[in-house]
Amino acid sequence: QLHKVRFLNISHNKLAEMPDCIGSLTSIEMLDLSSNEILVMLPSIGNLVHCETMTLGLNILEGLPREVGNLRSIKYLTLESNNIKSLPVEMGKLSNLEKLVISGNREIY
């Protein structure tokens, strides 16, 4: 019943993983999962084709799934202070991306 949710902030909840239901929130425009303990983003994150702002900073992410390339509406993506080592090539498809924050990922290349 949450398919009409447009803004979701579940930051600061000590989540160890991305909740499965998030991939079904296809109307979402803003998603904040920052300041949790998320290690892996599920491929279903690519279903959020209307999302314009996604905040994933301050987790323990080691990377992103290639499905992130489906986020064609994304304008602002923050990934700061994670453990990301590389970004998927599919991010090149994000033609609306205006701001990408990747600071604090010590091993990124």
PDB file of N, CA and C in Angstrom:
ATOM      1  N   GLN A   1       0.801  -1.197   0.000  1.00  0.00           N
ATOM      2  CA  GLN A   1       0.000   0.000   0.000  1.00  0.00           C
ATOM      3  C   GLN A   1       0.849   1.269   0.000  1.00  0.00           C
ATOM      4  N   LEU A   2       2.152   1.118  -0.053  1.00  0.00           N
ATOM      5  CA  LEU A   2       3.027   2.293  -0.025  1.00  0.00           C
ATOM      6  C   LEU A   2       3.484   2.715  -1.422  1.00  0.00           C
ATOM      7  N   HIS A   3       2.863   2.180  -2.452  1.00  0.00           N
ATOM      8  CA  HIS A   3       3.335   2.457  -3.811  1.00  0.00           C
ATOM      9  C   HIS A   3       3.206   3.922  -4.225  1.00  0.00           C
ATOM     10  N   LYS A   4       2.473   4.739  -3.483  1.00  0.00           N
ATOM     11  CA  LYS A   4       2.340   6.160  -3.811  1.00  0.00           C
ATOM     12  C   LYS A   4       3.281   7.055  -3.010  1.00  0.00           C
ATOM     13  N   VAL A   5       4.103   6.460  -2.162  1.00  0.00           N
ATOM     14  CA  VAL A   5       5.054   7.244  -1.357  1.00  0.00           C
ATOM     15  C   VAL A   5       6.022   7.964  -2.288  1.00  0.00           C
ATOM     16  N   ARG A   6       6.205   9.262  -2.063  1.00  0.00           N
ATOM     17  CA  ARG A   6       7.117  10.053  -2.889  1.00  0.00           C
ATOM     18  C   ARG A   6       8.390  10.436  -2.149  1.00  0.00           C
ATOM     19  N   PHE A   7       8.342  10.549  -0.837  1.00  0.00           N
ATOM     20  CA  PHE A   7       9.501  10.940  -0.035  1.00  0.00           C
ATOM     21  C   PHE A   7       9.639   9.969   1.124  1.00  0.00           C
ATOM     22  N   LEU A   8      10.828   9.397   1.276  1.00  0.00           N
ATOM     23  CA  LEU A   8      11.046   8.431   2.348  1.00  0.00           C
ATOM     24  C   LEU A   8      12.402   8.687   2.985  1.00  0.00           C
ATOM     25  N   ASN A   9      12.390   8.929   4.284  1.00  0.00           N
ATOM     26  CA  ASN A   9      13.615   9.122   5.054  1.00  0.00           C
ATOM     27  C   ASN A   9      13.639   8.060   6.145  1.00  0.00           C
ATOM     28  N   ILE A  10      14.540   7.099   6.014  1.00  0.00           N
ATOM     29  CA  ILE A  10      14.735   6.093   7.055  1.00  0.00           C
ATOM     30  C   ILE A  10      16.205   6.079   7.464  1.00  0.00           C
ATOM     31  N   SER A  11      16.753   7.264   7.584  1.00  0.00           N
ATOM     32  CA  SER A  11      18.142   7.407   8.020  1.00  0.00           C
ATOM     33  C   SER A  11      18.246   7.181   9.529  1.00  0.00           C
ATOM     34  N   HIS A  12      19.471   6.940   9.983  1.00  0.00           N
ATOM     35  CA  HIS A  12      19.768   6.801  11.412  1.00  0.00           C
ATOM     36  C   HIS A  12      18.947   5.697  12.097  1.00  0.00           C
ATOM     37  N   ASN A  13      18.855   4.536  11.454  1.00  0.00           N
ATOM     38  CA  ASN A  13      18.080   3.436  12.022  1.00  0.00           C
ATOM     39  C   ASN A  13      18.891   2.160  12.228  1.00  0.00           C
ATOM     40  N   LYS A  14      20.179   2.203  12.011  1.00  0.00           N
ATOM     41  CA  LYS A  14      21.054   1.034  12.169  1.00  0.00           C
ATOM     42  C   LYS A  14      20.607  -0.146  11.309  1.00  0.00           C
ATOM     43  N   LEU A  15      20.041   0.166  10.135  1.00  0.00           N
ATOM     44  CA  LEU A  15      19.642  -0.891   9.208  1.00  0.00           C
ATOM     45  C   LEU A  15      20.881  -1.588   8.673  1.00  0.00           C
ATOM     46  N   ALA A  16      20.880  -2.913   8.669  1.00  0.00           N
ATOM     47  CA  ALA A  16      22.001  -3.685   8.163  1.00  0.00           C
ATOM     48  C   ALA A  16      21.856  -3.959   6.670  1.00  0.00           C
ATOM     49  N   GLU A  17      20.652  -3.821   6.150  1.00  0.00           N
ATOM     50  CA  GLU A  17      20.424  -4.036   4.724  1.00  0.00           C
ATOM     51  C   GLU A  17      19.291  -3.149   4.239  1.00  0.00           C
ATOM     52  N   MET A  18      19.276  -2.953   2.934  1.00  0.00           N
ATOM     53  CA  MET A  18      18.208  -2.179   2.330  1.00  0.00           C
ATOM     54  C   MET A  18      16.916  -2.987   2.438  1.00  0.00           C
ATOM     55  N   PRO A  19      15.849  -2.416   2.981  1.00  0.00           N
ATOM     56  CA  PRO A  19      14.581  -3.145   3.067  1.00  0.00           C
ATOM     57  C   PRO A  19      14.080  -3.548   1.679  1.00  0.00           C
ATOM     58  N   ASP A  20      13.642  -4.800   1.534  1.00  0.00           N
ATOM     59  CA  ASP A  20      13.178  -5.320   0.245  1.00  0.00           C
ATOM     60  C   ASP A  20      12.079  -4.472  -0.377  1.00  0.00           C
ATOM     61  N   CYS A  21      11.198  -3.938   0.442  1.00  0.00           N
ATOM     62  CA  CYS A  21      10.029  -3.214  -0.063  1.00  0.00           C
ATOM     63  C   CYS A  21      10.401  -1.928  -0.797  1.00  0.00           C
ATOM     64  N   ILE A  22      11.581  -1.408  -0.586  1.00  0.00           N
ATOM     65  CA  ILE A  22      11.954  -0.139  -1.220  1.00  0.00           C
ATOM     66  C   ILE A  22      11.933  -0.246  -2.737  1.00  0.00           C
ATOM     67  N   GLY A  23      12.316  -1.381  -3.268  1.00  0.00           N
ATOM     68  CA  GLY A  23      12.308  -1.563  -4.722  1.00  0.00           C
ATOM     69  C   GLY A  23      10.934  -1.484  -5.347  1.00  0.00           C
ATOM     70  N   SER A  24       9.890  -1.610  -4.546  1.00  0.00           N
ATOM     71  CA  SER A  24       8.525  -1.523  -5.074  1.00  0.00           C
ATOM     72  C   SER A  24       7.943  -0.114  -4.968  1.00  0.00           C
ATOM     73  N   LEU A  25       8.697   0.818  -4.428  1.00  0.00           N
ATOM     74  CA  LEU A  25       8.222   2.206  -4.274  1.00  0.00           C
ATOM     75  C   LEU A  25       8.525   2.995  -5.546  1.00  0.00           C
ATOM     76  N   THR A  26       7.876   2.619  -6.630  1.00  0.00           N
ATOM     77  CA  THR A  26       8.215   3.160  -7.944  1.00  0.00           C
ATOM     78  C   THR A  26       7.845   4.630  -8.132  1.00  0.00           C
ATOM     79  N   SER A  27       7.085   5.221  -7.225  1.00  0.00           N
ATOM     80  CA  SER A  27       6.735   6.649  -7.321  1.00  0.00           C
ATOM     81  C   SER A  27       7.683   7.526  -6.524  1.00  0.00           C
ATOM     82  N   ILE A  28       8.634   6.916  -5.857  1.00  0.00           N
ATOM     83  CA  ILE A  28       9.490   7.677  -4.942  1.00  0.00           C
ATOM     84  C   ILE A  28      10.340   8.695  -5.701  1.00  0.00           C
ATOM     85  N   GLU A  29      10.454   9.893  -5.142  1.00  0.00           N
ATOM     86  CA  GLU A  29      11.260  10.957  -5.723  1.00  0.00           C
ATOM     87  C   GLU A  29      12.482  11.267  -4.872  1.00  0.00           C
ATOM     88  N   MET A  30      12.383  10.996  -3.556  1.00  0.00           N
ATOM     89  CA  MET A  30      13.501  11.249  -2.653  1.00  0.00           C
ATOM     90  C   MET A  30      13.616  10.088  -1.679  1.00  0.00           C
ATOM     91  N   LEU A  31      14.828   9.515  -1.607  1.00  0.00           N
ATOM     92  CA  LEU A  31      15.086   8.407  -0.701  1.00  0.00           C
ATOM     93  C   LEU A  31      16.326   8.712   0.121  1.00  0.00           C
ATOM     94  N   ASP A  32      16.190   8.657   1.430  1.00  0.00           N
ATOM     95  CA  ASP A  32      17.318   8.881   2.336  1.00  0.00           C
ATOM     96  C   ASP A  32      17.526   7.635   3.185  1.00  0.00           C
ATOM     97  N   LEU A  33      18.611   6.917   2.904  1.00  0.00           N
ATOM     98  CA  LEU A  33      19.011   5.736   3.660  1.00  0.00           C
ATOM     99  C   LEU A  33      20.342   5.989   4.368  1.00  0.00           C
ATOM    100  N   SER A  34      20.686   7.232   4.569  1.00  0.00           N
ATOM    101  CA  SER A  34      21.992   7.569   5.140  1.00  0.00           C
ATOM    102  C   SER A  34      22.080   7.188   6.615  1.00  0.00           C
ATOM    103  N   SER A  35      23.306   7.115   7.081  1.00  0.00           N
ATOM    104  CA  SER A  35      23.602   6.868   8.502  1.00  0.00           C
ATOM    105  C   SER A  35      22.965   5.589   9.025  1.00  0.00           C
ATOM    106  N   ASN A  36      23.122   4.530   8.263  1.00  0.00           N
ATOM    107  CA  ASN A  36      22.711   3.204   8.691  1.00  0.00           C
ATOM    108  C   ASN A  36      23.955   2.322   8.664  1.00  0.00           C
ATOM    109  N   GLU A  37      23.787   1.036   8.531  1.00  0.00           N
ATOM    110  CA  GLU A  37      24.920   0.106   8.473  1.00  0.00           C
ATOM    111  C   GLU A  37      24.767  -0.818   7.276  1.00  0.00           C
ATOM    112  N   ILE A  38      24.298  -0.255   6.168  1.00  0.00           N
ATOM    113  CA  ILE A  38      23.996  -1.024   4.964  1.00  0.00           C
ATOM    114  C   ILE A  38      25.276  -1.364   4.224  1.00  0.00           C
ATOM    115  N   LEU A  39      25.448  -2.651   3.936  1.00  0.00           N
ATOM    116  CA  LEU A  39      26.629  -3.147   3.240  1.00  0.00           C
ATOM    117  C   LEU A  39      26.390  -3.263   1.738  1.00  0.00           C
ATOM    118  N   VAL A  40      25.174  -3.679   1.348  1.00  0.00           N
ATOM    119  CA  VAL A  40      24.865  -3.954  -0.060  1.00  0.00           C
ATOM    120  C   VAL A  40      23.522  -3.323  -0.430  1.00  0.00           C
ATOM    121  N   MET A  41      23.495  -2.668  -1.573  1.00  0.00           N
ATOM    122  CA  MET A  41      22.230  -2.192  -2.120  1.00  0.00           C
ATOM    123  C   MET A  41      21.683  -3.281  -3.030  1.00  0.00           C
ATOM    124  N   LEU A  42      20.414  -3.577  -2.915  1.00  0.00           N
ATOM    125  CA  LEU A  42      19.787  -4.611  -3.732  1.00  0.00           C
ATOM    126  C   LEU A  42      19.602  -4.124  -5.170  1.00  0.00           C
ATOM    127  N   PRO A  43      19.641  -5.041  -6.146  1.00  0.00           N
ATOM    128  CA  PRO A  43      19.417  -4.651  -7.543  1.00  0.00           C
ATOM    129  C   PRO A  43      18.079  -3.956  -7.755  1.00  0.00           C
ATOM    130  N   SER A  44      17.093  -4.218  -6.898  1.00  0.00           N
ATOM    131  CA  SER A  44      15.774  -3.597  -7.051  1.00  0.00           C
ATOM    132  C   SER A  44      15.825  -2.080  -6.882  1.00  0.00           C
ATOM    133  N   ILE A  45      16.952  -1.542  -6.433  1.00  0.00           N
ATOM    134  CA  ILE A  45      17.102  -0.081  -6.351  1.00  0.00           C
ATOM    135  C   ILE A  45      16.915   0.546  -7.735  1.00  0.00           C
ATOM    136  N   GLY A  46      17.207  -0.231  -8.760  1.00  0.00           N
ATOM    137  CA  GLY A  46      17.046   0.239 -10.136  1.00  0.00           C
ATOM    138  C   GLY A  46      15.602   0.444 -10.558  1.00  0.00           C
ATOM    139  N   ASN A  47      14.650  -0.022  -9.756  1.00  0.00           N
ATOM    140  CA  ASN A  47      13.229   0.175 -10.057  1.00  0.00           C
ATOM    141  C   ASN A  47      12.761   1.588  -9.753  1.00  0.00           C
ATOM    142  N   LEU A  48      13.558   2.362  -9.050  1.00  0.00           N
ATOM    143  CA  LEU A  48      13.144   3.695  -8.601  1.00  0.00           C
ATOM    144  C   LEU A  48      13.411   4.734  -9.686  1.00  0.00           C
ATOM    145  N   VAL A  49      12.792   4.537 -10.830  1.00  0.00           N
ATOM    146  CA  VAL A  49      13.087   5.337 -12.016  1.00  0.00           C
ATOM    147  C   VAL A  49      12.646   6.796 -11.906  1.00  0.00           C
ATOM    148  N   HIS A  50      11.817   7.137 -10.920  1.00  0.00           N
ATOM    149  CA  HIS A  50      11.380   8.526 -10.743  1.00  0.00           C
ATOM    150  C   HIS A  50      12.153   9.240  -9.633  1.00  0.00           C
ATOM    151  N   CYS A  51      13.053   8.535  -9.006  1.00  0.00           N
ATOM    152  CA  CYS A  51      13.806   9.109  -7.893  1.00  0.00           C
ATOM    153  C   CYS A  51      14.779  10.175  -8.407  1.00  0.00           C
ATOM    154  N   GLU A  52      14.717  11.356  -7.817  1.00  0.00           N
ATOM    155  CA  GLU A  52      15.596  12.465  -8.195  1.00  0.00           C
ATOM    156  C   GLU A  52      16.723  12.679  -7.195  1.00  0.00           C
ATOM    157  N   THR A  53      16.485  12.322  -5.938  1.00  0.00           N
ATOM    158  CA  THR A  53      17.481  12.514  -4.884  1.00  0.00           C
ATOM    159  C   THR A  53      17.614  11.229  -4.087  1.00  0.00           C
ATOM    160  N   MET A  54      18.848  10.726  -3.993  1.00  0.00           N
ATOM    161  CA  MET A  54      19.106   9.519  -3.218  1.00  0.00           C
ATOM    162  C   MET A  54      20.318   9.766  -2.335  1.00  0.00           C
ATOM    163  N   THR A  55      20.133   9.568  -1.042  1.00  0.00           N
ATOM    164  CA  THR A  55      21.186   9.805  -0.069  1.00  0.00           C
ATOM    165  C   THR A  55      21.546   8.481   0.591  1.00  0.00           C
ATOM    166  N   LEU A  56      22.761   8.013   0.306  1.00  0.00           N
ATOM    167  CA  LEU A  56      23.229   6.719   0.803  1.00  0.00           C
ATOM    168  C   LEU A  56      24.506   6.858   1.618  1.00  0.00           C
ATOM    169  N   GLY A  57      24.861   8.054   1.982  1.00  0.00           N
ATOM    170  CA  GLY A  57      26.096   8.297   2.720  1.00  0.00           C
ATOM    171  C   GLY A  57      26.084   7.721   4.125  1.00  0.00           C
ATOM    172  N   LEU A  58      27.277   7.587   4.675  1.00  0.00           N
ATOM    173  CA  LEU A  58      27.471   7.138   6.055  1.00  0.00           C
ATOM    174  C   LEU A  58      26.877   5.753   6.305  1.00  0.00           C
ATOM    175  N   ASN A  59      27.160   4.840   5.406  1.00  0.00           N
ATOM    176  CA  ASN A  59      26.831   3.433   5.558  1.00  0.00           C
ATOM    177  C   ASN A  59      28.159   2.675   5.460  1.00  0.00           C
ATOM    178  N   ILE A  60      28.117   1.420   5.105  1.00  0.00           N
ATOM    179  CA  ILE A  60      29.350   0.660   4.872  1.00  0.00           C
ATOM    180  C   ILE A  60      29.295  -0.007   3.500  1.00  0.00           C
ATOM    181  N   LEU A  61      28.651   0.674   2.558  1.00  0.00           N
ATOM    182  CA  LEU A  61      28.510   0.159   1.197  1.00  0.00           C
ATOM    183  C   LEU A  61      29.872  -0.101   0.572  1.00  0.00           C
ATOM    184  N   GLU A  62      29.992  -1.235  -0.095  1.00  0.00           N
ATOM    185  CA  GLU A  62      31.230  -1.558  -0.805  1.00  0.00           C
ATOM    186  C   GLU A  62      31.091  -1.303  -2.301  1.00  0.00           C
ATOM    187  N   GLY A  63      29.896  -1.035  -2.753  1.00  0.00           N
ATOM    188  CA  GLY A  63      29.653  -0.770  -4.160  1.00  0.00           C
ATOM    189  C   GLY A  63      28.172  -0.602  -4.412  1.00  0.00           C
ATOM    190  N   LEU A  64      27.847  -0.449  -5.679  1.00  0.00           N
ATOM    191  CA  LEU A  64      26.452  -0.303  -6.103  1.00  0.00           C
ATOM    192  C   LEU A  64      26.165  -1.342  -7.172  1.00  0.00           C
ATOM    193  N   PRO A  65      24.921  -1.823  -7.253  1.00  0.00           N
ATOM    194  CA  PRO A  65      24.583  -2.768  -8.314  1.00  0.00           C
ATOM    195  C   PRO A  65      24.530  -2.050  -9.660  1.00  0.00           C
ATOM    196  N   ARG A  66      24.743  -2.795 -10.727  1.00  0.00           N
ATOM    197  CA  ARG A  66      24.719  -2.171 -12.062  1.00  0.00           C
ATOM    198  C   ARG A  66      23.362  -1.577 -12.393  1.00  0.00           C
ATOM    199  N   GLU A  67      22.299  -2.060 -11.718  1.00  0.00           N
ATOM    200  CA  GLU A  67      20.947  -1.541 -11.946  1.00  0.00           C
ATOM    201  C   GLU A  67      20.807  -0.071 -11.570  1.00  0.00           C
ATOM    202  N   VAL A  68      21.797   0.488 -10.894  1.00  0.00           N
ATOM    203  CA  VAL A  68      21.774   1.917 -10.582  1.00  0.00           C
ATOM    204  C   VAL A  68      21.715   2.731 -11.879  1.00  0.00           C
ATOM    205  N   GLY A  69      22.141   2.144 -12.971  1.00  0.00           N
ATOM    206  CA  GLY A  69      22.073   2.812 -14.270  1.00  0.00           C
ATOM    207  C   GLY A  69      20.649   3.053 -14.756  1.00  0.00           C
ATOM    208  N   ASN A  70      19.670   2.415 -14.123  1.00  0.00           N
ATOM    209  CA  ASN A  70      18.259   2.614 -14.485  1.00  0.00           C
ATOM    210  C   ASN A  70      17.666   3.872 -13.860  1.00  0.00           C
ATOM    211  N   LEU A  71      18.388   4.519 -12.975  1.00  0.00           N
ATOM    212  CA  LEU A  71      17.878   5.692 -12.249  1.00  0.00           C
ATOM    213  C   LEU A  71      17.972   6.937 -13.141  1.00  0.00           C
ATOM    214  N   ARG A  72      17.249   6.932 -14.218  1.00  0.00           N
ATOM    215  CA  ARG A  72      17.355   7.983 -15.241  1.00  0.00           C
ATOM    216  C   ARG A  72      16.926   9.361 -14.763  1.00  0.00           C
ATOM    217  N   SER A  73      16.127   9.448 -13.702  1.00  0.00           N
ATOM    218  CA  SER A  73      15.661  10.747 -13.190  1.00  0.00           C
ATOM    219  C   SER A  73      16.585  11.313 -12.119  1.00  0.00           C
ATOM    220  N   ILE A  74      17.560  10.546 -11.678  1.00  0.00           N
ATOM    221  CA  ILE A  74      18.394  10.959 -10.539  1.00  0.00           C
ATOM    222  C   ILE A  74      19.171  12.228 -10.861  1.00  0.00           C
ATOM    223  N   LYS A  75      19.089  13.194  -9.962  1.00  0.00           N
ATOM    224  CA  LYS A  75      19.828  14.448 -10.089  1.00  0.00           C
ATOM    225  C   LYS A  75      20.918  14.551  -9.029  1.00  0.00           C
ATOM    226  N   TYR A  76      20.622  14.082  -7.825  1.00  0.00           N
ATOM    227  CA  TYR A  76      21.553  14.191  -6.700  1.00  0.00           C
ATOM    228  C   TYR A  76      21.747  12.814  -6.079  1.00  0.00           C
ATOM    229  N   LEU A  77      22.997  12.364  -6.062  1.00  0.00           N
ATOM    230  CA  LEU A  77      23.326  11.063  -5.492  1.00  0.00           C
ATOM    231  C   LEU A  77      24.499  11.247  -4.538  1.00  0.00           C
ATOM    232  N   THR A  78      24.268  10.958  -3.277  1.00  0.00           N
ATOM    233  CA  THR A  78      25.339  11.103  -2.297  1.00  0.00           C
ATOM    234  C   THR A  78      25.726   9.732  -1.755  1.00  0.00           C
ATOM    235  N   LEU A  79      27.007   9.461  -1.823  1.00  0.00           N
ATOM    236  CA  LEU A  79      27.586   8.177  -1.424  1.00  0.00           C
ATOM    237  C   LEU A  79      28.747   8.372  -0.467  1.00  0.00           C
ATOM    238  N   GLU A  80      28.852   9.520   0.163  1.00  0.00           N
ATOM    239  CA  GLU A  80      30.023   9.840   0.972  1.00  0.00           C
ATOM    240  C   GLU A  80      30.179   8.918   2.173  1.00  0.00           C
ATOM    241  N   SER A  81      31.411   8.740   2.558  1.00  0.00           N
ATOM    242  CA  SER A  81      31.783   8.001   3.776  1.00  0.00           C
ATOM    243  C   SER A  81      31.222   6.581   3.815  1.00  0.00           C
ATOM    244  N   ASN A  82      31.516   5.839   2.767  1.00  0.00           N
ATOM    245  CA  ASN A  82      31.214   4.420   2.682  1.00  0.00           C
ATOM    246  C   ASN A  82      32.538   3.692   2.459  1.00  0.00           C
ATOM    247  N   ASN A  83      32.481   2.465   1.978  1.00  0.00           N
ATOM    248  CA  ASN A  83      33.679   1.693   1.644  1.00  0.00           C
ATOM    249  C   ASN A  83      33.704   1.347   0.164  1.00  0.00           C
ATOM    250  N   ILE A  84      33.166   2.242  -0.649  1.00  0.00           N
ATOM    251  CA  ILE A  84      33.051   1.994  -2.085  1.00  0.00           C
ATOM    252  C   ILE A  84      34.436   2.013  -2.723  1.00  0.00           C
ATOM    253  N   LYS A  85      34.699   0.957  -3.496  1.00  0.00           N
ATOM    254  CA  LYS A  85      35.994   0.835  -4.164  1.00  0.00           C
ATOM    255  C   LYS A  85      35.916   1.257  -5.633  1.00  0.00           C
ATOM    256  N   SER A  86      34.768   1.068  -6.254  1.00  0.00           N
ATOM    257  CA  SER A  86      34.584   1.484  -7.642  1.00  0.00           C
ATOM    258  C   SER A  86      33.101   1.692  -7.909  1.00  0.00           C
ATOM    259  N   LEU A  87      32.823   2.438  -8.958  1.00  0.00           N
ATOM    260  CA  LEU A  87      31.446   2.713  -9.358  1.00  0.00           C
ATOM    261  C   LEU A  87      31.135   1.918 -10.619  1.00  0.00           C
ATOM    262  N   PRO A  88      29.916   1.421 -10.764  1.00  0.00           N
ATOM    263  CA  PRO A  88      29.580   0.641 -11.959  1.00  0.00           C
ATOM    264  C   PRO A  88      29.592   1.504 -13.219  1.00  0.00           C
ATOM    265  N   VAL A  89      30.015   0.929 -14.308  1.00  0.00           N
ATOM    266  CA  VAL A  89      30.055   1.615 -15.600  1.00  0.00           C
ATOM    267  C   VAL A  89      28.675   2.151 -15.973  1.00  0.00           C
ATOM    268  N   GLU A  90      27.652   1.462 -15.561  1.00  0.00           N
ATOM    269  CA  GLU A  90      26.272   1.847 -15.887  1.00  0.00           C
ATOM    270  C   GLU A  90      25.899   3.228 -15.362  1.00  0.00           C
ATOM    271  N   MET A  91      26.681   3.763 -14.440  1.00  0.00           N
ATOM    272  CA  MET A  91      26.396   5.124 -13.960  1.00  0.00           C
ATOM    273  C   MET A  91      26.544   6.148 -15.074  1.00  0.00           C
ATOM    274  N   GLY A  92      27.222   5.776 -16.141  1.00  0.00           N
ATOM    275  CA  GLY A  92      27.341   6.656 -17.303  1.00  0.00           C
ATOM    276  C   GLY A  92      26.006   6.934 -17.981  1.00  0.00           C
ATOM    277  N   LYS A  93      24.990   6.149 -17.664  1.00  0.00           N
ATOM    278  CA  LYS A  93      23.653   6.333 -18.234  1.00  0.00           C
ATOM    279  C   LYS A  93      22.848   7.395 -17.493  1.00  0.00           C
ATOM    280  N   LEU A  94      23.367   7.899 -16.394  1.00  0.00           N
ATOM    281  CA  LEU A  94      22.626   8.846 -15.552  1.00  0.00           C
ATOM    282  C   LEU A  94      22.743  10.258 -16.132  1.00  0.00           C
ATOM    283  N   SER A  95      22.029  10.496 -17.211  1.00  0.00           N
ATOM    284  CA  SER A  95      22.170  11.747 -17.967  1.00  0.00           C
ATOM    285  C   SER A  95      21.629  12.970 -17.230  1.00  0.00           C
ATOM    286  N   ASN A  96      20.798  12.795 -16.211  1.00  0.00           N
ATOM    287  CA  ASN A  96      20.268  13.931 -15.457  1.00  0.00           C
ATOM    288  C   ASN A  96      21.056  14.221 -14.183  1.00  0.00           C
ATOM    289  N   LEU A  97      22.070  13.419 -13.909  1.00  0.00           N
ATOM    290  CA  LEU A  97      22.842  13.579 -12.682  1.00  0.00           C
ATOM    291  C   LEU A  97      23.561  14.923 -12.666  1.00  0.00           C
ATOM    292  N   GLU A  98      23.272  15.731 -11.649  1.00  0.00           N
ATOM    293  CA  GLU A  98      23.884  17.047 -11.496  1.00  0.00           C
ATOM    294  C   GLU A  98      24.937  17.058 -10.395  1.00  0.00           C
ATOM    295  N   LYS A  99      24.719  16.238  -9.356  1.00  0.00           N
ATOM    296  CA  LYS A  99      25.643  16.261  -8.226  1.00  0.00           C
ATOM    297  C   LYS A  99      25.872  14.837  -7.732  1.00  0.00           C
ATOM    298  N   LEU A 100      27.140  14.448  -7.698  1.00  0.00           N
ATOM    299  CA  LEU A 100      27.553  13.149  -7.177  1.00  0.00           C
ATOM    300  C   LEU A 100      28.573  13.406  -6.076  1.00  0.00           C
ATOM    301  N   VAL A 101      28.272  12.940  -4.876  1.00  0.00           N
ATOM    302  CA  VAL A 101      29.169  13.133  -3.749  1.00  0.00           C
ATOM    303  C   VAL A 101      29.746  11.777  -3.360  1.00  0.00           C
ATOM    304  N   ILE A 102      31.067  11.616  -3.525  1.00  0.00           N
ATOM    305  CA  ILE A 102      31.723  10.348  -3.213  1.00  0.00           C
ATOM    306  C   ILE A 102      32.904  10.536  -2.262  1.00  0.00           C
ATOM    307  N   SER A 103      32.969  11.658  -1.604  1.00  0.00           N
ATOM    308  CA  SER A 103      34.078  11.914  -0.681  1.00  0.00           C
ATOM    309  C   SER A 103      34.037  10.935   0.485  1.00  0.00           C
ATOM    310  N   GLY A 104      35.181  10.657   1.060  1.00  0.00           N
ATOM    311  CA  GLY A 104      35.255   9.789   2.224  1.00  0.00           C
ATOM    312  C   GLY A 104      35.239   8.312   1.918  1.00  0.00           C
ATOM    313  N   ASN A 105      35.387   7.949   0.641  1.00  0.00           N
ATOM    314  CA  ASN A 105      35.526   6.548   0.224  1.00  0.00           C
ATOM    315  C   ASN A 105      37.011   6.359  -0.108  1.00  0.00           C
ATOM    316  N   ARG A 106      37.783   5.959   0.870  1.00  0.00           N
ATOM    317  CA  ARG A 106      39.245   6.000   0.776  1.00  0.00           C
ATOM    318  C   ARG A 106      39.838   5.185  -0.369  1.00  0.00           C
ATOM    319  N   GLU A 107      39.182   4.124  -0.779  1.00  0.00           N
ATOM    320  CA  GLU A 107      39.791   3.236  -1.773  1.00  0.00           C
ATOM    321  C   GLU A 107      39.163   3.360  -3.147  1.00  0.00           C
ATOM    322  N   ILE A 108      38.365   4.370  -3.393  1.00  0.00           N
ATOM    323  CA  ILE A 108      37.674   4.481  -4.676  1.00  0.00           C
ATOM    324  C   ILE A 108      38.659   4.823  -5.792  1.00  0.00           C
ATOM    325  N   TYR A 109      38.407   4.209  -6.928  1.00  0.00           N
ATOM    326  CA  TYR A 109      39.214   4.504  -8.137  1.00  0.00           C
ATOM    327  C   TYR A 109      38.331   4.544  -9.334  1.00  0.00           C
TER     328      TYR A 109
END
